[in-house]
Amino acid sequence: MALKQGNSSLRRVESWRQRRTEQYLSWWSRKRSKGQFRYVLTTSLWIALVFFLVIPLVEYLVSGDPLKEKWAFRLIFSVLAGLLIGLVSWWGNEAKYKNARIDAKINLNER
């Protein structure tokens, strides 16, 4: 009985994993169809905005002063960090997408 239950659980996990992969492929396919520039730009801007707002908030909570004189440095740092994270995210998602597509082709050939 335990063996059947284990196989059932394993099938459920594998089914869930397959659905997640299909959802990811669909999501990334839509994102990448809009282009790398747009993806990196929007990701960078969101991250830069969060960094630009969160860092002064943390400084204020820790020291009581958000160090207003460093706003230019903070802006440049936020934009560069956002750009780097956006590019790394694009490359990581592309690699994951291509590997998932290759795995899907291999699984189709095995059937």
Protein backbone atom coordinates (compact mmCIF):
# COMPACT_ATOMS: atom_id res chain seq x y z
CA MET A 1 0.00 0.00 0.00
CA ALA A 2 2.79 2.43 0.88
CA LEU A 3 4.43 1.76 -2.48
CA LYS A 4 1.23 2.68 -4.35
CA GLN A 5 0.83 5.83 -2.29
CA GLY A 6 4.46 6.74 -2.95
CA ASN A 7 4.00 6.25 -6.69
CA SER A 8 0.84 8.33 -6.60
CA SER A 9 2.63 11.14 -4.77
CA LEU A 10 5.54 10.93 -7.18
CA ARG A 11 3.18 11.17 -10.16
CA ARG A 12 1.43 14.16 -8.60
CA VAL A 13 4.74 15.95 -8.02
CA GLU A 14 5.90 15.16 -11.56
CA SER A 15 2.56 16.37 -12.95
CA TRP A 16 2.83 19.59 -10.94
CA ARG A 17 6.42 20.09 -12.12
CA GLN A 18 5.37 19.62 -15.73
CA ARG A 19 2.52 22.13 -15.38
CA ARG A 20 4.90 24.68 -13.81
CA THR A 21 7.34 24.20 -16.67
CA GLU A 22 4.57 24.68 -19.23
CA GLN A 23 3.37 27.82 -17.43
CA TYR A 24 6.93 29.15 -17.31
CA LEU A 25 7.48 28.44 -21.01
CA SER A 26 4.27 30.24 -21.86
CA TRP A 27 5.10 33.21 -19.60
CA TRP A 28 8.67 33.59 -20.84
CA SER A 29 7.61 33.13 -24.45
CA ARG A 30 5.29 36.14 -24.08
CA LYS A 31 7.96 38.20 -22.29
CA ARG A 32 10.73 37.42 -24.78
CA SER A 33 8.46 38.14 -27.76
CA LYS A 34 8.42 41.79 -26.63
CA GLY A 35 12.21 41.89 -26.82
CA GLN A 36 15.26 41.98 -24.61
CA PHE A 37 15.47 45.76 -24.53
CA ARG A 38 11.93 46.17 -23.20
CA TYR A 39 12.33 43.40 -20.60
CA VAL A 40 15.65 44.72 -19.30
CA LEU A 41 14.39 48.30 -19.31
CA THR A 42 11.21 47.60 -17.34
CA THR A 43 12.97 45.26 -14.91
CA SER A 44 15.78 47.78 -14.41
CA LEU A 45 13.40 50.65 -13.78
CA TRP A 46 11.35 48.71 -11.23
CA ILE A 47 14.44 47.55 -9.37
CA ALA A 48 16.01 51.02 -9.51
CA LEU A 49 12.82 52.54 -8.13
CA VAL A 50 12.69 50.06 -5.27
CA PHE A 51 16.39 50.57 -4.46
CA PHE A 52 16.07 54.35 -4.68
CA LEU A 53 13.14 54.31 -2.26
CA VAL A 54 14.18 51.50 0.08
CA ILE A 55 17.78 52.55 0.76
CA PRO A 56 16.80 56.01 2.13
CA LEU A 57 14.02 54.40 4.18
CA VAL A 58 16.47 51.97 5.78
CA GLU A 59 18.97 54.79 6.37
CA TYR A 60 16.23 56.83 8.03
CA LEU A 61 15.15 53.92 10.23
CA VAL A 62 18.73 53.11 11.23
CA SER A 63 20.28 56.55 11.66
CA GLY A 64 17.33 58.91 11.66
CA ASP A 65 18.73 60.80 8.67
CA PRO A 66 18.32 59.66 5.04
CA LEU A 67 21.57 61.39 3.99
CA LYS A 68 20.04 63.77 1.49
CA GLU A 69 23.40 64.82 0.08
CA LYS A 70 24.01 61.39 -1.45
CA TRP A 71 20.91 61.30 -3.65
CA ALA A 72 22.87 61.53 -6.94
CA PHE A 73 25.10 58.60 -5.99
CA ARG A 74 22.05 56.63 -4.86
CA LEU A 75 20.28 57.31 -8.15
CA ILE A 76 23.27 56.21 -10.23
CA PHE A 77 23.80 53.13 -8.06
CA SER A 78 20.12 52.19 -8.28
CA VAL A 79 20.03 52.49 -12.07
CA LEU A 80 23.25 50.52 -12.55
CA ALA A 81 22.19 47.81 -10.10
CA GLY A 82 18.79 47.60 -11.80
CA LEU A 83 20.43 47.29 -15.21
CA LEU A 84 22.76 44.55 -14.02
CA ILE A 85 19.93 42.62 -12.37
CA GLY A 86 17.74 43.05 -15.45
CA LEU A 87 20.46 41.68 -17.75
CA VAL A 88 21.29 38.76 -15.47
CA SER A 89 17.58 37.99 -15.19
CA TRP A 90 17.21 38.00 -18.98
CA TRP A 91 20.18 35.69 -19.47
CA GLY A 92 19.02 33.34 -16.71
CA ASN A 93 15.49 33.15 -18.05
CA GLU A 94 16.77 32.59 -21.59
CA ALA A 95 18.99 29.71 -20.44
CA LYS A 96 16.16 28.16 -18.45
CA TYR A 97 13.77 28.59 -21.40
CA LYS A 98 16.17 26.98 -23.88
CA ASN A 99 16.91 24.08 -21.51
CA ALA A 100 13.19 23.49 -20.93
CA ARG A 101 12.56 23.50 -24.69
CA ILE A 102 15.37 20.97 -25.19
CA ASP A 103 14.01 18.77 -22.38
CA ALA A 104 10.52 18.95 -23.88
CA LYS A 105 11.86 17.78 -27.26
CA ILE A 106 13.77 14.94 -25.63
CA ASN A 107 10.68 13.85 -23.67
CA LEU A 108 8.59 13.86 -26.87
CA ASN A 109 11.17 11.71 -28.63
CA GLU A 110 11.23 9.20 -25.76
CA ARG A 111 7.49 8.54 -25.97
